[in-house]
């Protein structure tokens, strides 16, 4: 089993970040979520290793892990740890 590499692993990270932000410009929130989902699935396909992808999910999950994130979502708590307002989309 390989380990997920969390160390900086490519040049020009600022250029990639700028391109990522640019890809989101002018998109609605649902369009941004769709873009992010497509990008994640494309990169996951490229990685192609379930163990690495599971490690990445664990590394990206909020403190407390994926189970806490799922419970928070079901309880209506947003990613910033605040409860969603009635009728709010986020």
N, C-alpha and C. Protein backbone atom coordinates (compact mmCIF):
# COMPACT_ATOMS: atom_id res chain seq x y z
N UNK A 1 0.84 -1.18 0.00
CA UNK A 1 0.00 0.00 0.00
C UNK A 1 0.89 1.24 0.00
N UNK A 2 0.58 2.17 -0.87
CA UNK A 2 1.30 3.43 -0.94
C UNK A 2 0.71 4.41 0.06
N UNK A 3 1.51 5.41 0.40
CA UNK A 3 1.02 6.47 1.29
C UNK A 3 0.75 7.72 0.47
N UNK A 4 -0.25 8.45 0.89
CA UNK A 4 -0.59 9.72 0.27
C UNK A 4 0.54 10.71 0.48
N UNK A 5 0.97 11.38 -0.57
CA UNK A 5 2.02 12.38 -0.49
C UNK A 5 1.37 13.74 -0.21
N UNK A 6 1.59 14.28 0.99
CA UNK A 6 1.06 15.59 1.35
C UNK A 6 2.11 16.69 1.25
N UNK A 7 3.33 16.32 0.88
CA UNK A 7 4.40 17.30 0.71
C UNK A 7 4.22 18.01 -0.62
N UNK A 8 4.66 19.28 -0.72
CA UNK A 8 4.58 19.97 -2.01
C UNK A 8 5.22 19.09 -3.10
N UNK A 9 4.52 18.93 -4.21
CA UNK A 9 4.96 17.94 -5.20
C UNK A 9 4.92 18.47 -6.63
N UNK A 10 4.68 19.77 -6.81
CA UNK A 10 4.73 20.31 -8.17
C UNK A 10 5.15 21.77 -8.13
N UNK A 11 5.73 22.20 -9.25
CA UNK A 11 6.19 23.58 -9.37
C UNK A 11 5.02 24.50 -9.70
N UNK A 12 5.22 25.76 -9.47
CA UNK A 12 4.25 26.79 -9.87
C UNK A 12 2.89 26.60 -9.23
N UNK A 13 2.87 26.34 -7.92
CA UNK A 13 1.59 26.16 -7.23
C UNK A 13 0.73 27.41 -7.33
N UNK A 14 1.37 28.58 -7.31
CA UNK A 14 0.60 29.82 -7.43
C UNK A 14 -0.10 29.92 -8.77
N UNK A 15 0.57 29.46 -9.83
CA UNK A 15 -0.04 29.49 -11.16
C UNK A 15 -1.25 28.57 -11.21
N UNK A 16 -1.13 27.38 -10.60
CA UNK A 16 -2.28 26.46 -10.58
C UNK A 16 -3.43 27.07 -9.80
N UNK A 17 -3.13 27.66 -8.63
CA UNK A 17 -4.18 28.26 -7.82
C UNK A 17 -4.88 29.38 -8.59
N UNK A 18 -4.11 30.19 -9.29
CA UNK A 18 -4.70 31.28 -10.10
C UNK A 18 -5.60 30.69 -11.20
N UNK A 19 -5.17 29.61 -11.83
CA UNK A 19 -5.98 28.98 -12.87
C UNK A 19 -7.26 28.38 -12.27
N UNK A 20 -7.16 27.81 -11.08
CA UNK A 20 -8.33 27.26 -10.40
C UNK A 20 -9.34 28.36 -10.09
N UNK A 21 -8.84 29.47 -9.55
CA UNK A 21 -9.73 30.60 -9.26
C UNK A 21 -10.36 31.14 -10.54
N UNK A 22 -9.58 31.23 -11.60
CA UNK A 22 -10.07 31.74 -12.87
C UNK A 22 -11.16 30.83 -13.44
N UNK A 23 -11.01 29.53 -13.26
CA UNK A 23 -12.02 28.58 -13.75
C UNK A 23 -13.37 28.78 -13.07
N UNK A 24 -13.35 29.35 -11.86
CA UNK A 24 -14.58 29.57 -11.09
C UNK A 24 -15.22 30.93 -11.35
N UNK A 25 -14.48 31.82 -11.99
CA UNK A 25 -14.99 33.18 -12.22
C UNK A 25 -16.27 33.15 -13.04
N UNK A 26 -17.27 33.90 -12.57
CA UNK A 26 -18.52 34.04 -13.29
C UNK A 26 -19.50 32.88 -13.12
N UNK A 27 -19.12 31.88 -12.35
CA UNK A 27 -20.00 30.73 -12.14
C UNK A 27 -20.90 30.96 -10.94
N UNK A 28 -22.10 30.43 -11.01
CA UNK A 28 -22.98 30.43 -9.85
C UNK A 28 -22.45 29.40 -8.85
N UNK A 29 -22.98 29.43 -7.63
CA UNK A 29 -22.53 28.46 -6.63
C UNK A 29 -22.77 27.02 -7.08
N UNK A 30 -23.95 26.68 -7.63
CA UNK A 30 -24.13 25.30 -8.12
C UNK A 30 -23.15 24.93 -9.24
N UNK A 31 -22.86 25.89 -10.12
CA UNK A 31 -21.90 25.62 -11.19
C UNK A 31 -20.49 25.40 -10.63
N UNK A 32 -20.14 26.17 -9.58
CA UNK A 32 -18.84 25.97 -8.93
C UNK A 32 -18.74 24.59 -8.30
N UNK A 33 -19.83 24.17 -7.63
CA UNK A 33 -19.83 22.84 -7.02
C UNK A 33 -19.70 21.76 -8.10
N UNK A 34 -20.37 21.94 -9.22
CA UNK A 34 -20.29 20.97 -10.32
C UNK A 34 -18.88 20.92 -10.91
N UNK A 35 -18.27 22.09 -11.08
CA UNK A 35 -16.89 22.14 -11.57
C UNK A 35 -15.96 21.40 -10.61
N UNK A 36 -16.10 21.68 -9.32
CA UNK A 36 -15.25 21.01 -8.33
C UNK A 36 -15.47 19.50 -8.35
N UNK A 37 -16.70 19.07 -8.47
CA UNK A 37 -16.99 17.63 -8.50
C UNK A 37 -16.35 16.98 -9.72
N UNK A 38 -16.48 17.63 -10.88
CA UNK A 38 -15.87 17.07 -12.09
C UNK A 38 -14.36 17.00 -11.95
N UNK A 39 -13.75 18.06 -11.43
CA UNK A 39 -12.30 18.08 -11.24
C UNK A 39 -11.85 16.97 -10.30
N UNK A 40 -12.56 16.80 -9.19
CA UNK A 40 -12.22 15.75 -8.23
C UNK A 40 -12.31 14.37 -8.88
N UNK A 41 -13.37 14.13 -9.64
CA UNK A 41 -13.53 12.82 -10.28
C UNK A 41 -12.47 12.58 -11.35
N UNK A 42 -12.11 13.60 -12.09
CA UNK A 42 -11.05 13.47 -13.09
C UNK A 42 -9.72 13.13 -12.41
N UNK A 43 -9.40 13.86 -11.35
CA UNK A 43 -8.14 13.60 -10.64
C UNK A 43 -8.16 12.25 -9.93
N UNK A 44 -9.29 11.86 -9.37
CA UNK A 44 -9.41 10.55 -8.73
C UNK A 44 -9.19 9.44 -9.76
N UNK A 45 -9.76 9.61 -10.95
CA UNK A 45 -9.55 8.63 -12.00
C UNK A 45 -8.07 8.55 -12.38
N UNK A 46 -7.42 9.70 -12.44
CA UNK A 46 -5.99 9.72 -12.78
C UNK A 46 -5.17 9.01 -11.71
N UNK A 47 -5.50 9.22 -10.44
CA UNK A 47 -4.78 8.57 -9.34
C UNK A 47 -5.03 7.06 -9.40
N UNK A 48 -6.29 6.67 -9.48
CA UNK A 48 -6.64 5.29 -9.70
C UNK A 48 -6.29 4.31 -8.60
N UNK A 49 -6.02 4.76 -7.41
CA UNK A 49 -5.65 3.88 -6.30
C UNK A 49 -6.60 4.15 -5.13
N UNK A 50 -7.47 3.18 -4.83
CA UNK A 50 -8.49 3.36 -3.80
C UNK A 50 -7.87 3.69 -2.44
N UNK A 51 -6.75 3.05 -2.08
CA UNK A 51 -6.12 3.34 -0.79
C UNK A 51 -5.66 4.80 -0.71
N UNK A 52 -5.06 5.30 -1.77
CA UNK A 52 -4.61 6.70 -1.80
C UNK A 52 -5.81 7.63 -1.73
N UNK A 53 -6.87 7.31 -2.47
CA UNK A 53 -8.06 8.15 -2.46
C UNK A 53 -8.72 8.18 -1.08
N UNK A 54 -8.74 7.05 -0.40
CA UNK A 54 -9.29 7.00 0.96
C UNK A 54 -8.45 7.84 1.91
N UNK A 55 -7.13 7.76 1.78
CA UNK A 55 -6.25 8.60 2.59
C UNK A 55 -6.49 10.08 2.31
N UNK A 56 -6.71 10.41 1.05
CA UNK A 56 -6.97 11.80 0.68
C UNK A 56 -8.29 12.29 1.28
N UNK A 57 -9.32 11.45 1.25
CA UNK A 57 -10.60 11.81 1.88
C UNK A 57 -10.42 12.06 3.37
N UNK A 58 -9.67 11.19 4.01
CA UNK A 58 -9.42 11.35 5.45
C UNK A 58 -8.63 12.63 5.73
N UNK A 59 -7.63 12.93 4.89
CA UNK A 59 -6.81 14.12 5.09
C UNK A 59 -7.61 15.40 4.86
N UNK A 60 -8.56 15.35 3.94
CA UNK A 60 -9.34 16.55 3.61
C UNK A 60 -10.53 16.76 4.52
N UNK A 61 -10.93 15.72 5.24
CA UNK A 61 -12.11 15.82 6.10
C UNK A 61 -11.87 16.80 7.24
N UNK A 62 -12.94 17.44 7.72
CA UNK A 62 -12.81 18.33 8.88
C UNK A 62 -12.27 17.56 10.08
N UNK A 63 -11.71 18.29 11.02
CA UNK A 63 -11.20 17.65 12.24
C UNK A 63 -12.30 16.77 12.83
N UNK A 64 -11.97 15.55 13.15
CA UNK A 64 -12.96 14.61 13.64
C UNK A 64 -13.28 13.55 12.60
N UNK A 65 -12.80 13.75 11.37
CA UNK A 65 -12.94 12.73 10.35
C UNK A 65 -14.21 12.82 9.53
N UNK A 66 -14.30 11.89 8.57
CA UNK A 66 -15.42 11.88 7.64
C UNK A 66 -16.74 11.57 8.33
N UNK A 67 -16.73 10.74 9.37
CA UNK A 67 -17.98 10.43 10.07
C UNK A 67 -18.56 11.67 10.72
N UNK A 68 -17.68 12.52 11.30
CA UNK A 68 -18.14 13.77 11.91
C UNK A 68 -18.68 14.70 10.82
N UNK A 69 -18.00 14.77 9.69
CA UNK A 69 -18.46 15.64 8.59
C UNK A 69 -19.84 15.20 8.11
N UNK A 70 -20.06 13.89 7.99
CA UNK A 70 -21.36 13.39 7.57
C UNK A 70 -22.43 13.73 8.60
N UNK A 71 -22.11 13.55 9.88
CA UNK A 71 -23.07 13.86 10.94
C UNK A 71 -23.38 15.35 10.95
N UNK A 72 -22.35 16.20 10.76
CA UNK A 72 -22.56 17.64 10.71
C UNK A 72 -23.48 18.02 9.56
N UNK A 73 -23.25 17.42 8.39
CA UNK A 73 -24.08 17.71 7.23
C UNK A 73 -25.52 17.32 7.50
N UNK A 74 -25.72 16.14 8.07
CA UNK A 74 -27.08 15.69 8.36
C UNK A 74 -27.75 16.57 9.41
N UNK A 75 -26.94 17.17 10.31
CA UNK A 75 -27.49 18.04 11.34
C UNK A 75 -27.68 19.47 10.83
N UNK A 76 -27.25 19.73 9.58
CA UNK A 76 -27.42 21.06 9.03
C UNK A 76 -26.32 22.03 9.44
N UNK A 77 -25.17 21.48 9.83
CA UNK A 77 -24.05 22.34 10.21
C UNK A 77 -23.14 22.49 9.01
N UNK A 78 -22.84 23.72 8.64
CA UNK A 78 -22.00 23.99 7.47
C UNK A 78 -20.54 23.72 7.75
N UNK A 79 -19.72 23.89 6.71
CA UNK A 79 -18.30 23.58 6.81
C UNK A 79 -17.55 24.51 7.76
N UNK A 80 -18.10 25.65 8.04
CA UNK A 80 -17.44 26.57 8.96
C UNK A 80 -17.89 26.33 10.40
N UNK A 81 -18.66 25.26 10.63
CA UNK A 81 -19.07 24.92 11.98
C UNK A 81 -20.28 25.69 12.47
N UNK A 82 -20.98 26.34 11.58
CA UNK A 82 -22.16 27.11 11.98
C UNK A 82 -23.41 26.43 11.45
N UNK A 83 -24.45 26.51 12.19
CA UNK A 83 -25.71 25.91 11.75
C UNK A 83 -26.26 26.69 10.57
N UNK A 84 -26.87 25.98 9.64
CA UNK A 84 -27.49 26.65 8.49
C UNK A 84 -28.75 27.36 8.94
N UNK A 85 -28.97 28.51 8.33
CA UNK A 85 -30.20 29.26 8.60
C UNK A 85 -31.34 28.65 7.82
N UNK A 86 -32.52 28.78 8.35
CA UNK A 86 -33.73 28.27 7.69
C UNK A 86 -33.79 28.86 6.27
N UNK A 87 -33.93 27.98 5.28
CA UNK A 87 -34.05 28.42 3.89
C UNK A 87 -32.72 28.74 3.23
N UNK A 88 -31.60 28.57 3.93
CA UNK A 88 -30.30 28.87 3.35
C UNK A 88 -29.84 27.74 2.46
N UNK A 89 -29.14 28.08 1.39
CA UNK A 89 -28.61 27.09 0.46
C UNK A 89 -27.26 26.56 0.91
N UNK A 90 -26.57 27.26 1.82
CA UNK A 90 -25.21 26.86 2.19
C UNK A 90 -25.14 26.32 3.58
